Amino acid sequence: MSASILSIASIIAAAVISAIALFLSINAVKKVKEELTAIKKVIVQIANGSFDGDNPPPQIKESADILTALKGIAKDVNHQQQAVNHFAYTDELTGLPNKRRFDEELIRSFDFAKRGLPVCIVSMEINNLKKITGEVGRTTSDNIVILLANTLSSTIRKTDFAARLGTDDFAIVLPNMENEKILGWLSNLSDKLIDEQKNEKLLPDNNACNVRFGYSFVKQELDEEPQQVLDRAIQALVKIDNNSAALITEG
């Protein structure tokens, strides 16, 4: 009798142990699946460039190690992407936005102008920069360009946008600029650009590069695309004689 009882008890114990083992196994498998899902989520975020660092806390040490490593990779990828974007949209010499970035801003500002916001586009050119480079050297002419870019950046309003489009070409987007104020604003900017050069004494005999400006406002009812406005500003610039006293004109 006692042997039978022990046998039954052994069977029950074995069944309970098996049930517990099964339960633990199911939970373990579930946790592993959850961990793998979390890891997969991070990998997908890294691939899409959308990693946000917000993941459920890992329950398994190996998963914690993997997720930590993946987070490090994600940060490296993000930093590299930021660096790529910076160089893709930034002029290397001056640190100003480049033509690619300016084209985007021109489109954005054009859309605002078509909805009623007055927007002025300015084309700016340094006179005879190539000749000056031949006379005083590339380093000095580069320093002139950098100085003008820094002066431009420190002068424009927070809502304005300035970019370097080429060797001696710059452009400025001036939202909310009034037609009766643009000439005075550009004249003051021209004087400041020349004064800064003379203060730095980059050229012999305290000379300075003249800067020419052509500008045009977005014509809400006539302009169909942003390039039309920039073209008018450039054409206005072309009209100015290099030796002319009038260094600002409207297109």
C-alpha atoms as a PDB file:
ATOM      1  CA  MET A   1       0.000   0.000   0.000  1.00  0.00           C
ATOM      2  CA  SER A   2       2.717   2.394   0.976  1.00  0.00           C
ATOM      3  CA  ALA A   3       4.614   1.489  -2.162  1.00  0.00           C
ATOM      4  CA  SER A   4       1.570   2.337  -4.237  1.00  0.00           C
ATOM      5  CA  ILE A   5       1.199   5.661  -2.477  1.00  0.00           C
ATOM      6  CA  LEU A   6       4.860   6.460  -3.092  1.00  0.00           C
ATOM      7  CA  SER A   7       4.449   5.519  -6.729  1.00  0.00           C
ATOM      8  CA  ILE A   8       1.427   7.788  -7.112  1.00  0.00           C
ATOM      9  CA  ALA A   9       3.258  10.604  -5.294  1.00  0.00           C
ATOM     10  CA  SER A  10       6.234  10.170  -7.578  1.00  0.00           C
ATOM     11  CA  ILE A  11       4.022  10.346 -10.619  1.00  0.00           C
ATOM     12  CA  ILE A  12       2.304  13.494  -9.325  1.00  0.00           C
ATOM     13  CA  ALA A  13       5.651  15.084  -8.458  1.00  0.00           C
ATOM     14  CA  ALA A  14       7.006  14.259 -11.865  1.00  0.00           C
ATOM     15  CA  ALA A  15       3.900  15.724 -13.475  1.00  0.00           C
ATOM     16  CA  VAL A  16       4.197  18.910 -11.414  1.00  0.00           C
ATOM     17  CA  ILE A  17       7.892  19.237 -12.261  1.00  0.00           C
ATOM     18  CA  SER A  18       7.101  18.694 -15.921  1.00  0.00           C
ATOM     19  CA  ALA A  19       4.363  21.307 -15.790  1.00  0.00           C
ATOM     20  CA  ILE A  20       6.673  23.793 -14.107  1.00  0.00           C
ATOM     21  CA  ALA A  21       9.422  23.058 -16.621  1.00  0.00           C
ATOM     22  CA  LEU A  22       6.959  23.509 -19.478  1.00  0.00           C
ATOM     23  CA  PHE A  23       5.734  26.787 -17.998  1.00  0.00           C
ATOM     24  CA  LEU A  24       9.262  28.047 -17.540  1.00  0.00           C
ATOM     25  CA  SER A  25      10.168  26.956 -21.048  1.00  0.00           C
ATOM     26  CA  ILE A  26       7.178  28.775 -22.535  1.00  0.00           C
ATOM     27  CA  ASN A  27       8.054  31.917 -20.568  1.00  0.00           C
ATOM     28  CA  ALA A  28      11.686  31.625 -21.590  1.00  0.00           C
ATOM     29  CA  VAL A  29      10.741  31.277 -25.248  1.00  0.00           C
ATOM     30  CA  LYS A  30       8.385  34.247 -24.911  1.00  0.00           C
ATOM     31  CA  LYS A  31      11.117  36.374 -23.353  1.00  0.00           C
ATOM     32  CA  VAL A  32      13.581  35.380 -26.036  1.00  0.00           C
ATOM     33  CA  LYS A  33      11.035  36.320 -28.718  1.00  0.00           C
ATOM     34  CA  GLU A  34      10.458  39.683 -27.025  1.00  0.00           C
ATOM     35  CA  GLU A  35      14.207  40.295 -26.824  1.00  0.00           C
ATOM     36  CA  LEU A  36      14.676  39.359 -30.472  1.00  0.00           C
ATOM     37  CA  THR A  37      11.792  41.649 -31.430  1.00  0.00           C
ATOM     38  CA  ALA A  38      13.431  44.527 -29.519  1.00  0.00           C
ATOM     39  CA  ILE A  39      16.760  43.834 -31.221  1.00  0.00           C
ATOM     40  CA  LYS A  40      15.073  43.661 -34.634  1.00  0.00           C
ATOM     41  CA  LYS A  41      13.333  46.979 -33.919  1.00  0.00           C
ATOM     42  CA  VAL A  42      16.646  48.694 -33.167  1.00  0.00           C
ATOM     43  CA  ILE A  43      18.249  47.253 -36.312  1.00  0.00           C
ATOM     44  CA  VAL A  44      15.343  48.492 -38.449  1.00  0.00           C
ATOM     45  CA  GLN A  45      15.558  51.943 -36.824  1.00  0.00           C
ATOM     46  CA  ILE A  46      19.277  52.118 -37.542  1.00  0.00           C
ATOM     47  CA  ALA A  47      18.680  51.118 -41.162  1.00  0.00           C
ATOM     48  CA  ASN A  48      15.972  53.769 -41.536  1.00  0.00           C
ATOM     49  CA  GLY A  49      17.922  56.447 -39.689  1.00  0.00           C
ATOM     50  CA  SER A  50      15.104  56.802 -37.163  1.00  0.00           C
ATOM     51  CA  PHE A  51      16.697  55.389 -34.008  1.00  0.00           C
ATOM     52  CA  ASP A  52      15.156  57.082 -30.964  1.00  0.00           C
ATOM     53  CA  GLY A  53      16.908  55.234 -28.140  1.00  0.00           C
ATOM     54  CA  ASP A  54      13.576  54.272 -26.546  1.00  0.00           C
ATOM     55  CA  ASN A  55      13.550  50.492 -26.107  1.00  0.00           C
ATOM     56  CA  PRO A  56      12.084  48.165 -23.466  1.00  0.00           C
ATOM     57  CA  PRO A  57      14.616  47.140 -20.803  1.00  0.00           C
ATOM     58  CA  PRO A  58      16.213  43.791 -21.718  1.00  0.00           C
ATOM     59  CA  GLN A  59      15.591  40.765 -19.484  1.00  0.00           C
ATOM     60  CA  ILE A  60      18.421  38.640 -20.786  1.00  0.00           C
ATOM     61  CA  LYS A  61      22.059  39.641 -20.335  1.00  0.00           C
ATOM     62  CA  GLU A  62      23.027  38.707 -23.884  1.00  0.00           C
ATOM     63  CA  SER A  63      20.195  40.894 -25.216  1.00  0.00           C
ATOM     64  CA  ALA A  64      21.342  43.773 -23.019  1.00  0.00           C
ATOM     65  CA  ASP A  65      24.841  43.465 -24.463  1.00  0.00           C
ATOM     66  CA  ILE A  66      23.490  43.340 -28.022  1.00  0.00           C
ATOM     67  CA  LEU A  67      21.185  46.328 -27.496  1.00  0.00           C
ATOM     68  CA  THR A  68      24.003  48.349 -25.923  1.00  0.00           C
ATOM     69  CA  ALA A  69      26.227  47.607 -28.910  1.00  0.00           C
ATOM     70  CA  LEU A  70      23.432  48.472 -31.329  1.00  0.00           C
ATOM     71  CA  LYS A  71      22.816  51.779 -29.574  1.00  0.00           C
ATOM     72  CA  GLY A  72      26.480  52.618 -29.978  1.00  0.00           C
ATOM     73  CA  ILE A  73      26.299  51.769 -33.674  1.00  0.00           C
ATOM     74  CA  ALA A  74      23.148  53.892 -34.038  1.00  0.00           C
ATOM     75  CA  LYS A  75      24.879  56.901 -32.464  1.00  0.00           C
ATOM     76  CA  ASP A  76      27.863  56.491 -34.793  1.00  0.00           C
ATOM     77  CA  VAL A  77      25.565  56.229 -37.818  1.00  0.00           C
ATOM     78  CA  ASN A  78      23.660  59.322 -36.683  1.00  0.00           C
ATOM     79  CA  HIS A  79      26.860  61.329 -36.227  1.00  0.00           C
ATOM     80  CA  GLN A  80      28.117  60.230 -39.628  1.00  0.00           C
ATOM     81  CA  GLN A  81      24.803  61.168 -41.240  1.00  0.00           C
ATOM     82  CA  GLN A  82      24.924  64.603 -39.608  1.00  0.00           C
ATOM     83  CA  ALA A  83      28.467  65.083 -40.898  1.00  0.00           C
ATOM     84  CA  VAL A  84      27.432  64.040 -44.410  1.00  0.00           C
ATOM     85  CA  ASN A  85      24.473  66.456 -44.339  1.00  0.00           C
ATOM     86  CA  HIS A  86      26.698  69.242 -43.055  1.00  0.00           C
ATOM     87  CA  PHE A  87      29.228  68.860 -45.856  1.00  0.00           C
ATOM     88  CA  ALA A  88      26.503  68.355 -48.455  1.00  0.00           C
ATOM     89  CA  TYR A  89      24.846  71.666 -47.626  1.00  0.00           C
ATOM     90  CA  THR A  90      27.742  73.816 -46.384  1.00  0.00           C
ATOM     91  CA  ASP A  91      30.359  75.830 -48.271  1.00  0.00           C
ATOM     92  CA  GLU A  92      33.725  74.478 -47.169  1.00  0.00           C
ATOM     93  CA  LEU A  93      35.616  77.786 -47.181  1.00  0.00           C
ATOM     94  CA  THR A  94      33.130  80.108 -45.477  1.00  0.00           C
ATOM     95  CA  GLY A  95      30.853  77.818 -43.504  1.00  0.00           C
ATOM     96  CA  LEU A  96      27.825  79.450 -45.145  1.00  0.00           C
ATOM     97  CA  PRO A  97      25.092  77.337 -46.729  1.00  0.00           C
ATOM     98  CA  ASN A  98      25.991  76.341 -50.289  1.00  0.00           C
ATOM     99  CA  LYS A  99      23.993  76.539 -53.523  1.00  0.00           C
ATOM    100  CA  ARG A 100      22.206  73.232 -52.877  1.00  0.00           C
ATOM    101  CA  ARG A 101      20.919  74.514 -49.549  1.00  0.00           C
ATOM    102  CA  PHE A 102      20.096  77.920 -51.037  1.00  0.00           C
ATOM    103  CA  ASP A 103      17.962  76.327 -53.759  1.00  0.00           C
ATOM    104  CA  GLU A 104      15.881  74.636 -51.066  1.00  0.00           C
ATOM    105  CA  GLU A 105      15.479  77.872 -49.123  1.00  0.00           C
ATOM    106  CA  LEU A 106      14.567  79.744 -52.310  1.00  0.00           C
ATOM    107  CA  ILE A 107      11.723  77.303 -52.979  1.00  0.00           C
ATOM    108  CA  ARG A 108      10.493  77.543 -49.388  1.00  0.00           C
ATOM    109  CA  SER A 109      10.582  81.354 -49.403  1.00  0.00           C
ATOM    110  CA  PHE A 110       8.909  81.473 -52.801  1.00  0.00           C
ATOM    111  CA  ASP A 111       5.997  79.460 -51.403  1.00  0.00           C
ATOM    112  CA  PHE A 112       5.627  81.951 -48.544  1.00  0.00           C
ATOM    113  CA  ALA A 113       5.758  84.852 -51.001  1.00  0.00           C
ATOM    114  CA  LYS A 114       3.005  83.337 -53.128  1.00  0.00           C
ATOM    115  CA  ARG A 115       0.847  83.383 -49.993  1.00  0.00           C
ATOM    116  CA  GLY A 116       1.395  87.078 -49.434  1.00  0.00           C
ATOM    117  CA  LEU A 117       4.680  87.455 -47.551  1.00  0.00           C
ATOM    118  CA  PRO A 118       6.987  90.024 -49.206  1.00  0.00           C
ATOM    119  CA  VAL A 119      10.302  88.345 -50.095  1.00  0.00           C
ATOM    120  CA  CYS A 120      13.360  89.951 -51.669  1.00  0.00           C
ATOM    121  CA  ILE A 121      16.110  87.906 -53.343  1.00  0.00           C
ATOM    122  CA  VAL A 122      19.558  89.503 -53.533  1.00  0.00           C
ATOM    123  CA  SER A 123      22.434  88.465 -55.773  1.00  0.00           C
ATOM    124  CA  MET A 124      25.843  89.625 -54.512  1.00  0.00           C
ATOM    125  CA  GLU A 125      29.203  89.560 -56.280  1.00  0.00           C
ATOM    126  CA  ILE A 126      32.746  90.497 -55.261  1.00  0.00           C
ATOM    127  CA  ASN A 127      34.308  92.646 -57.971  1.00  0.00           C
ATOM    128  CA  ASN A 128      37.524  91.515 -59.672  1.00  0.00           C
ATOM    129  CA  LEU A 129      38.235  88.711 -57.185  1.00  0.00           C
ATOM    130  CA  LYS A 130      40.077  86.682 -59.823  1.00  0.00           C
ATOM    131  CA  LYS A 131      42.330  89.655 -60.621  1.00  0.00           C
ATOM    132  CA  ILE A 132      43.003  90.231 -56.924  1.00  0.00           C
ATOM    133  CA  THR A 133      43.925  86.553 -56.494  1.00  0.00           C
ATOM    134  CA  GLY A 134      46.520  86.939 -59.246  1.00  0.00           C
ATOM    135  CA  GLU A 135      47.975  90.050 -57.623  1.00  0.00           C
ATOM    136  CA  VAL A 136      48.065  89.143 -53.922  1.00  0.00           C
ATOM    137  CA  GLY A 137      47.701  85.364 -53.899  1.00  0.00           C
ATOM    138  CA  ARG A 138      45.015  82.801 -53.165  1.00  0.00           C
ATOM    139  CA  THR A 139      45.394  82.944 -49.395  1.00  0.00           C
ATOM    140  CA  THR A 140      44.617  86.662 -49.246  1.00  0.00           C
ATOM    141  CA  SER A 141      41.660  86.401 -51.623  1.00  0.00           C
ATOM    142  CA  ASP A 142      40.297  83.478 -49.571  1.00  0.00           C
ATOM    143  CA  ASN A 143      40.633  85.589 -46.421  1.00  0.00           C
ATOM    144  CA  ILE A 144      38.665  88.361 -48.138  1.00  0.00           C
ATOM    145  CA  VAL A 145      35.879  85.915 -49.021  1.00  0.00           C
ATOM    146  CA  ILE A 146      35.818  84.545 -45.463  1.00  0.00           C
ATOM    147  CA  LEU A 147      35.733  88.059 -43.975  1.00  0.00           C
ATOM    148  CA  LEU A 148      32.861  89.095 -46.237  1.00  0.00           C
ATOM    149  CA  ALA A 149      30.952  85.912 -45.392  1.00  0.00           C
ATOM    150  CA  ASN A 150      31.421  86.489 -41.649  1.00  0.00           C
ATOM    151  CA  THR A 151      30.366  90.120 -41.955  1.00  0.00           C
ATOM    152  CA  LEU A 152      27.321  89.087 -43.962  1.00  0.00           C
ATOM    153  CA  SER A 153      26.360  86.449 -41.376  1.00  0.00           C
ATOM    154  CA  SER A 154      26.665  88.905 -38.493  1.00  0.00           C
ATOM    155  CA  THR A 155      24.686  91.615 -40.299  1.00  0.00           C
ATOM    156  CA  ILE A 156      21.618  89.836 -41.665  1.00  0.00           C
ATOM    157  CA  ARG A 157      18.542  89.410 -39.500  1.00  0.00           C
ATOM    158  CA  LYS A 158      17.685  86.089 -37.854  1.00  0.00           C
ATOM    159  CA  THR A 159      14.917  85.554 -40.384  1.00  0.00           C
ATOM    160  CA  ASP A 160      17.230  86.177 -43.365  1.00  0.00           C
ATOM    161  CA  PHE A 161      19.241  83.561 -45.213  1.00  0.00           C
ATOM    162  CA  ALA A 162      22.659  84.021 -46.850  1.00  0.00           C
ATOM    163  CA  ALA A 163      24.577  81.490 -48.970  1.00  0.00           C
ATOM    164  CA  ARG A 164      27.696  81.259 -51.097  1.00  0.00           C
ATOM    165  CA  LEU A 165      26.801  80.123 -54.595  1.00  0.00           C
ATOM    166  CA  GLY A 166      30.222  80.225 -56.233  1.00  0.00           C
ATOM    167  CA  THR A 167      33.767  81.581 -56.015  1.00  0.00           C
ATOM    168  CA  ASP A 168      32.718  85.227 -55.823  1.00  0.00           C
ATOM    169  CA  ASP A 169      28.928  84.859 -55.816  1.00  0.00           C
ATOM    170  CA  PHE A 170      26.605  85.075 -52.827  1.00  0.00           C
ATOM    171  CA  ALA A 171      22.829  85.269 -52.479  1.00  0.00           C
ATOM    172  CA  ILE A 172      20.525  86.502 -49.732  1.00  0.00           C
ATOM    173  CA  VAL A 173      16.860  85.784 -49.029  1.00  0.00           C
ATOM    174  CA  LEU A 174      15.145  88.664 -47.218  1.00  0.00           C
ATOM    175  CA  PRO A 175      11.614  87.834 -46.039  1.00  0.00           C
ATOM    176  CA  ASN A 176       9.435  90.696 -44.846  1.00  0.00           C
ATOM    177  CA  MET A 177      11.704  93.238 -46.527  1.00  0.00           C
ATOM    178  CA  GLU A 178       9.868  96.383 -47.580  1.00  0.00           C
ATOM    179  CA  ASN A 179      10.475  97.779 -51.057  1.00  0.00           C
ATOM    180  CA  GLU A 180      11.232 101.280 -49.760  1.00  0.00           C
ATOM    181  CA  LYS A 181      13.863  99.971 -47.316  1.00  0.00           C
ATOM    182  CA  ILE A 182      15.885  97.576 -49.457  1.00  0.00           C
ATOM    183  CA  LEU A 183      18.182 100.186 -51.038  1.00  0.00           C
ATOM    184  CA  GLY A 184      19.147 101.644 -47.681  1.00  0.00           C
ATOM    185  CA  TRP A 185      19.654  98.183 -46.193  1.00  0.00           C
ATOM    186  CA  LEU A 186      21.934  97.040 -49.026  1.00  0.00           C
ATOM    187  CA  SER A 187      23.824 100.346 -49.022  1.00  0.00           C
ATOM    188  CA  ASN A 188      24.566  99.968 -45.314  1.00  0.00           C
ATOM    189  CA  LEU A 189      25.648  96.360 -45.878  1.00  0.00           C
ATOM    190  CA  SER A 190      27.965  97.439 -48.707  1.00  0.00           C
ATOM    191  CA  ASP A 191      29.584 100.086 -46.509  1.00  0.00           C
ATOM    192  CA  LYS A 192      30.065  97.591 -43.697  1.00  0.00           C
ATOM    193  CA  LEU A 193      31.652  95.008 -45.995  1.00  0.00           C
ATOM    194  CA  ILE A 194      34.161  97.591 -47.239  1.00  0.00           C
ATOM    195  CA  ASP A 195      34.872  98.969 -43.756  1.00  0.00           C
ATOM    196  CA  GLU A 196      35.585  95.488 -42.378  1.00  0.00           C
ATOM    197  CA  GLN A 197      38.087  94.843 -45.151  1.00  0.00           C
ATOM    198  CA  LYS A 198      39.898  98.098 -44.467  1.00  0.00           C
ATOM    199  CA  ASN A 199      39.961  97.392 -40.748  1.00  0.00           C
ATOM    200  CA  GLU A 200      41.634  94.042 -41.416  1.00  0.00           C
ATOM    201  CA  LYS A 201      44.049  95.600 -43.955  1.00  0.00           C
ATOM    202  CA  LEU A 202      43.974  92.557 -46.192  1.00  0.00           C
ATOM    203  CA  LEU A 203      44.901  94.499 -49.329  1.00  0.00           C
ATOM    204  CA  PRO A 204      47.845  96.859 -49.893  1.00  0.00           C
ATOM    205  CA  ASP A 205      47.348 100.632 -49.392  1.00  0.00           C
ATOM    206  CA  ASN A 206      44.253  99.900 -47.297  1.00  0.00           C
ATOM    207  CA  ASN A 207      42.202  99.070 -50.381  1.00  0.00           C
ATOM    208  CA  ALA A 208      39.039  96.938 -50.401  1.00  0.00           C
ATOM    209  CA  CYS A 209      37.042  94.857 -52.861  1.00  0.00           C
ATOM    210  CA  ASN A 210      33.859  96.484 -54.068  1.00  0.00           C
ATOM    211  CA  VAL A 211      30.722  94.387 -53.784  1.00  0.00           C
ATOM    212  CA  ARG A 212      27.834  94.618 -56.237  1.00  0.00           C
ATOM    213  CA  PHE A 213      24.192  93.846 -55.494  1.00  0.00           C
ATOM    214  CA  GLY A 214      21.265  93.028 -57.744  1.00  0.00           C
ATOM    215  CA  TYR A 215      17.881  92.351 -56.199  1.00  0.00           C
ATOM    216  CA  SER A 216      14.315  91.462 -57.055  1.00  0.00           C
ATOM    217  CA  PHE A 217      11.108  90.936 -55.113  1.00  0.00           C
ATOM    218  CA  VAL A 218       8.909  87.918 -55.712  1.00  0.00           C
ATOM    219  CA  LYS A 219       5.994  89.048 -57.896  1.00  0.00           C
ATOM    220  CA  GLN A 220       3.088  87.136 -56.442  1.00  0.00           C
ATOM    221  CA  GLU A 221       0.826  87.224 -59.483  1.00  0.00           C
ATOM    222  CA  LEU A 222       3.465  86.993 -62.229  1.00  0.00           C
ATOM    223  CA  ASP A 223       6.195  84.625 -61.027  1.00  0.00           C
ATOM    224  CA  GLU A 224       5.517  80.961 -61.678  1.00  0.00           C
ATOM    225  CA  GLU A 225       8.726  79.524 -60.251  1.00  0.00           C
ATOM    226  CA  PRO A 226      11.501  80.618 -57.851  1.00  0.00           C
ATOM    227  CA  GLN A 227      14.248  80.643 -60.481  1.00  0.00           C
ATOM    228  CA  GLN A 228      12.551  83.575 -62.225  1.00  0.00           C
ATOM    229  CA  VAL A 229      13.168  85.776 -59.205  1.00  0.00           C
ATOM    230  CA  LEU A 230      16.804  84.756 -58.835  1.00  0.00           C
ATOM    231  CA  ASP A 231      17.365  85.254 -62.574  1.00  0.00           C
ATOM    232  CA  ARG A 232      16.067  88.836 -62.336  1.00  0.00           C
ATOM    233  CA  ALA A 233      18.385  89.556 -59.432  1.00  0.00           C
ATOM    234  CA  ILE A 234      21.349  88.149 -61.391  1.00  0.00           C
ATOM    235  CA  GLN A 235      20.404  90.118 -64.500  1.00  0.00           C
ATOM    236  CA  ALA A 236      20.251  93.278 -62.400  1.00  0.00           C
ATOM    237  CA  LEU A 237      23.757  92.470 -61.190  1.00  0.00           C
ATOM    238  CA  VAL A 238      25.009  92.028 -64.746  1.00  0.00           C
ATOM    239  CA  LYS A 239      23.742  95.509 -65.661  1.00  0.00           C
ATOM    240  CA  ILE A 240      26.144  97.159 -63.220  1.00  0.00           C
ATOM    241  CA  ASP A 241      29.444  98.378 -64.667  1.00  0.00           C
ATOM    242  CA  ASN A 242      32.377  97.265 -62.515  1.00  0.00           C
ATOM    243  CA  ASN A 243      33.590 100.857 -62.419  1.00  0.00           C
ATOM    244  CA  SER A 244      30.197 102.351 -61.750  1.00  0.00           C
ATOM    245  CA  ALA A 245      29.514 104.205 -58.534  1.00  0.00           C
ATOM    246  CA  ALA A 246      26.025 102.691 -58.447  1.00  0.00           C
ATOM    247  CA  LEU A 247      26.613  99.219 -57.011  1.00  0.00           C
ATOM    248  CA  ILE A 248      22.963  98.333 -56.360  1.00  0.00           C
ATOM    249  CA  THR A 249      20.221  97.873 -58.909  1.00  0.00           C
ATOM    250  CA  GLU A 250      16.824  96.211 -59.174  1.00  0.00           C
ATOM    251  CA  GLY A 251      15.774  93.528 -61.577  1.00  0.00           C
END
